[in-house]
Amino acid sequence: MTVSRGFMGVVTLIGIVMSIGLLPPCQAQAPAPAPAPAPAPAPASDGTSIDQGIGYLLMALALALAYLIHTMDATTSSYS
């Protein structure tokens, strides 16, 4: 079944007229955008001071452990 050019032209013209007539009222009724939420408060600490404190604690522990191991090794070794 073939559709004539005249019929397609009429359907196209009706579509254009309806879209021009219906789109502006639809766009005018669009709701206003919601206001942006308030920004989050700044963090009290960014975590670097906590990380640095843990690093210092681990370094002190490693130093103490190395000292203890070295003194135990020096006292128990025998030179023969």
N, C-alpha and C. Protein backbone atom coordinates (compact mmCIF):
# COMPACT_ATOMS: atom_id res chain seq x y z
N MET A 1 0.84 -1.16 0.00
CA MET A 1 0.00 0.00 0.00
C MET A 1 0.90 1.24 0.00
N THR A 2 0.70 2.09 -0.93
CA THR A 2 1.50 3.31 -1.04
C THR A 2 0.68 4.50 -0.58
N VAL A 3 1.36 5.43 0.01
CA VAL A 3 0.72 6.64 0.50
C VAL A 3 1.09 7.77 -0.44
N SER A 4 0.09 8.56 -0.83
CA SER A 4 0.35 9.64 -1.79
C SER A 4 1.12 10.77 -1.13
N ARG A 5 1.80 11.53 -1.96
CA ARG A 5 2.57 12.67 -1.47
C ARG A 5 1.67 13.72 -0.86
N GLY A 6 0.54 13.90 -1.41
CA GLY A 6 -0.39 14.91 -0.89
C GLY A 6 -0.84 14.57 0.53
N PHE A 7 -1.14 13.29 0.76
CA PHE A 7 -1.57 12.87 2.08
C PHE A 7 -0.44 13.05 3.10
N MET A 8 0.78 12.69 2.73
CA MET A 8 1.92 12.85 3.63
C MET A 8 2.18 14.32 3.91
N GLY A 9 1.98 15.18 2.92
CA GLY A 9 2.15 16.61 3.12
C GLY A 9 1.14 17.16 4.12
N VAL A 10 -0.12 16.68 4.01
CA VAL A 10 -1.16 17.13 4.93
C VAL A 10 -0.85 16.65 6.35
N VAL A 11 -0.44 15.40 6.50
CA VAL A 11 -0.10 14.87 7.82
C VAL A 11 1.08 15.64 8.40
N THR A 12 2.08 15.95 7.60
CA THR A 12 3.22 16.73 8.07
C THR A 12 2.80 18.11 8.50
N LEU A 13 1.95 18.77 7.70
CA LEU A 13 1.47 20.11 8.04
C LEU A 13 0.67 20.09 9.34
N ILE A 14 -0.19 19.10 9.52
CA ILE A 14 -0.96 18.98 10.78
C ILE A 14 -0.01 18.77 11.96
N GLY A 15 1.00 17.96 11.78
CA GLY A 15 1.98 17.73 12.85
C GLY A 15 2.73 19.00 13.23
N ILE A 16 3.13 19.77 12.24
CA ILE A 16 3.83 21.03 12.52
C ILE A 16 2.93 22.01 13.25
N VAL A 17 1.68 22.15 12.77
CA VAL A 17 0.74 23.08 13.41
C VAL A 17 0.46 22.65 14.85
N MET A 18 0.28 21.36 15.08
CA MET A 18 0.01 20.89 16.43
C MET A 18 1.21 21.08 17.34
N SER A 19 2.40 20.86 16.84
CA SER A 19 3.59 21.03 17.68
C SER A 19 3.80 22.50 18.02
N ILE A 20 3.52 23.40 17.08
CA ILE A 20 3.64 24.82 17.37
C ILE A 20 2.58 25.24 18.39
N GLY A 21 1.41 24.68 18.27
CA GLY A 21 0.33 25.06 19.18
C GLY A 21 0.45 24.43 20.56
N LEU A 22 1.08 23.27 20.69
CA LEU A 22 1.13 22.58 21.97
C LEU A 22 2.42 22.79 22.75
N LEU A 23 3.52 23.07 22.08
CA LEU A 23 4.78 23.17 22.78
C LEU A 23 4.89 24.41 23.68
N PRO A 24 4.53 25.59 23.26
CA PRO A 24 4.68 26.74 24.18
C PRO A 24 3.89 26.60 25.48
N PRO A 25 2.63 26.12 25.48
CA PRO A 25 1.97 25.95 26.77
C PRO A 25 2.65 24.90 27.65
N CYS A 26 3.20 23.85 27.05
CA CYS A 26 3.89 22.82 27.83
C CYS A 26 5.16 23.39 28.45
N GLN A 27 5.86 24.21 27.71
CA GLN A 27 7.10 24.80 28.23
C GLN A 27 6.80 25.84 29.28
N ALA A 28 5.70 26.54 29.18
CA ALA A 28 5.36 27.57 30.15
C ALA A 28 4.97 26.95 31.49
N GLN A 29 4.51 25.72 31.51
CA GLN A 29 4.08 25.09 32.74
C GLN A 29 5.19 24.29 33.41
N ALA A 30 6.39 24.39 32.91
CA ALA A 30 7.49 23.64 33.52
C ALA A 30 7.74 24.17 34.92
N PRO A 31 7.92 23.28 35.90
CA PRO A 31 8.15 23.75 37.28
C PRO A 31 9.51 24.44 37.41
N ALA A 32 9.57 25.34 38.34
CA ALA A 32 10.84 26.04 38.60
C ALA A 32 11.83 25.05 39.21
N PRO A 33 13.09 25.18 38.86
CA PRO A 33 14.08 24.25 39.43
C PRO A 33 14.21 24.45 40.94
N ALA A 34 14.47 23.37 41.63
CA ALA A 34 14.62 23.41 43.08
C ALA A 34 15.89 24.17 43.44
N PRO A 35 15.89 24.88 44.55
CA PRO A 35 17.11 25.59 44.94
C PRO A 35 18.23 24.61 45.28
N ALA A 36 19.43 25.04 45.05
CA ALA A 36 20.58 24.18 45.32
C ALA A 36 20.71 23.96 46.82
N PRO A 37 21.07 22.75 47.24
CA PRO A 37 21.24 22.50 48.68
C PRO A 37 22.44 23.28 49.21
N ALA A 38 22.41 23.53 50.49
CA ALA A 38 23.51 24.26 51.13
C ALA A 38 24.77 23.39 51.09
N PRO A 39 25.93 24.02 50.94
CA PRO A 39 27.16 23.23 50.90
C PRO A 39 27.43 22.57 52.24
N ALA A 40 28.11 21.46 52.20
CA ALA A 40 28.44 20.73 53.43
C ALA A 40 29.48 21.51 54.21
N PRO A 41 29.45 21.41 55.53
CA PRO A 41 30.46 22.12 56.31
C PRO A 41 31.84 21.53 56.08
N ALA A 42 32.83 22.38 56.22
CA ALA A 42 34.21 21.92 56.03
C ALA A 42 34.58 20.94 57.13
N PRO A 43 35.36 19.92 56.82
CA PRO A 43 35.75 18.95 57.86
C PRO A 43 36.65 19.62 58.89
N ALA A 44 36.55 19.18 60.13
CA ALA A 44 37.37 19.74 61.20
C ALA A 44 38.83 19.34 61.01
N SER A 45 39.07 18.15 60.49
CA SER A 45 40.43 17.68 60.24
C SER A 45 40.41 16.94 58.91
N ASP A 46 41.42 17.18 58.10
CA ASP A 46 41.46 16.49 56.81
C ASP A 46 42.13 15.13 56.90
N GLY A 47 42.55 14.74 58.09
CA GLY A 47 43.12 13.42 58.28
C GLY A 47 44.62 13.37 58.18
N THR A 48 45.26 14.42 57.68
CA THR A 48 46.71 14.37 57.54
C THR A 48 47.41 14.38 58.89
N SER A 49 46.87 15.12 59.87
CA SER A 49 47.52 15.14 61.18
C SER A 49 47.38 13.78 61.87
N ILE A 50 46.25 13.12 61.66
CA ILE A 50 46.07 11.78 62.23
C ILE A 50 47.04 10.80 61.57
N ASP A 51 47.15 10.87 60.26
CA ASP A 51 48.08 9.99 59.54
C ASP A 51 49.51 10.25 59.97
N GLN A 52 49.85 11.51 60.16
CA GLN A 52 51.21 11.84 60.57
C GLN A 52 51.49 11.32 61.98
N GLY A 53 50.53 11.42 62.88
CA GLY A 53 50.70 10.90 64.22
C GLY A 53 50.89 9.40 64.24
N ILE A 54 50.10 8.68 63.43
CA ILE A 54 50.26 7.22 63.32
C ILE A 54 51.63 6.88 62.75
N GLY A 55 52.08 7.65 61.77
CA GLY A 55 53.40 7.41 61.19
C GLY A 55 54.51 7.59 62.20
N TYR A 56 54.42 8.67 63.02
CA TYR A 56 55.43 8.89 64.06
C TYR A 56 55.42 7.76 65.08
N LEU A 57 54.24 7.30 65.46
CA LEU A 57 54.13 6.21 66.43
C LEU A 57 54.77 4.93 65.88
N LEU A 58 54.50 4.62 64.62
CA LEU A 58 55.08 3.42 64.02
C LEU A 58 56.60 3.54 63.89
N MET A 59 57.07 4.74 63.56
CA MET A 59 58.53 4.94 63.45
C MET A 59 59.20 4.75 64.81
N ALA A 60 58.57 5.29 65.88
CA ALA A 60 59.14 5.13 67.22
C ALA A 60 59.14 3.66 67.62
N LEU A 61 58.06 2.94 67.30
CA LEU A 61 57.99 1.52 67.60
C LEU A 61 59.07 0.74 66.85
N ALA A 62 59.27 1.08 65.59
CA ALA A 62 60.30 0.40 64.81
C ALA A 62 61.69 0.70 65.35
N LEU A 63 61.91 1.95 65.78
CA LEU A 63 63.21 2.30 66.35
C LEU A 63 63.46 1.55 67.65
N ALA A 64 62.45 1.49 68.51
CA ALA A 64 62.61 0.78 69.77
C ALA A 64 62.83 -0.71 69.53
N LEU A 65 62.09 -1.29 68.61
CA LEU A 65 62.24 -2.71 68.30
C LEU A 65 63.62 -3.00 67.72
N ALA A 66 64.10 -2.14 66.85
CA ALA A 66 65.42 -2.34 66.26
C ALA A 66 66.50 -2.23 67.34
N TYR A 67 66.34 -1.28 68.27
CA TYR A 67 67.30 -1.14 69.36
C TYR A 67 67.32 -2.39 70.25
N LEU A 68 66.13 -2.90 70.61
CA LEU A 68 66.06 -4.09 71.45
C LEU A 68 66.66 -5.30 70.76
N ILE A 69 66.36 -5.47 69.50
CA ILE A 69 66.91 -6.62 68.76
C ILE A 69 68.42 -6.50 68.66
N HIS A 70 68.92 -5.29 68.42
CA HIS A 70 70.37 -5.10 68.29
C HIS A 70 71.08 -5.36 69.61
N THR A 71 70.51 -4.88 70.72
CA THR A 71 71.17 -5.11 72.01
C THR A 71 71.10 -6.58 72.40
N MET A 72 70.00 -7.27 72.11
CA MET A 72 69.92 -8.70 72.42
C MET A 72 70.91 -9.48 71.58
N ASP A 73 71.06 -9.10 70.33
CA ASP A 73 71.97 -9.80 69.44
C ASP A 73 73.42 -9.57 69.87
N ALA A 74 73.72 -8.39 70.33
CA ALA A 74 75.10 -8.07 70.73
C ALA A 74 75.47 -8.77 72.02
N THR A 75 74.53 -8.95 72.92
CA THR A 75 74.84 -9.57 74.21
C THR A 75 74.88 -11.10 74.11
N THR A 76 74.16 -11.68 73.19
CA THR A 76 74.11 -13.15 73.12
C THR A 76 75.09 -13.73 72.12
N SER A 77 75.71 -12.93 71.32
CA SER A 77 76.63 -13.50 70.33
C SER A 77 77.95 -13.85 71.03
N SER A 78 78.50 -14.94 70.60
CA SER A 78 79.77 -15.36 71.19
C SER A 78 80.79 -15.48 70.08
N TYR A 79 81.94 -14.93 70.35
CA TYR A 79 83.02 -15.02 69.38
C TYR A 79 83.94 -16.17 69.80
N SER A 80 84.06 -17.17 68.98
CA SER A 80 84.95 -18.26 69.35
C SER A 80 85.97 -18.48 68.30
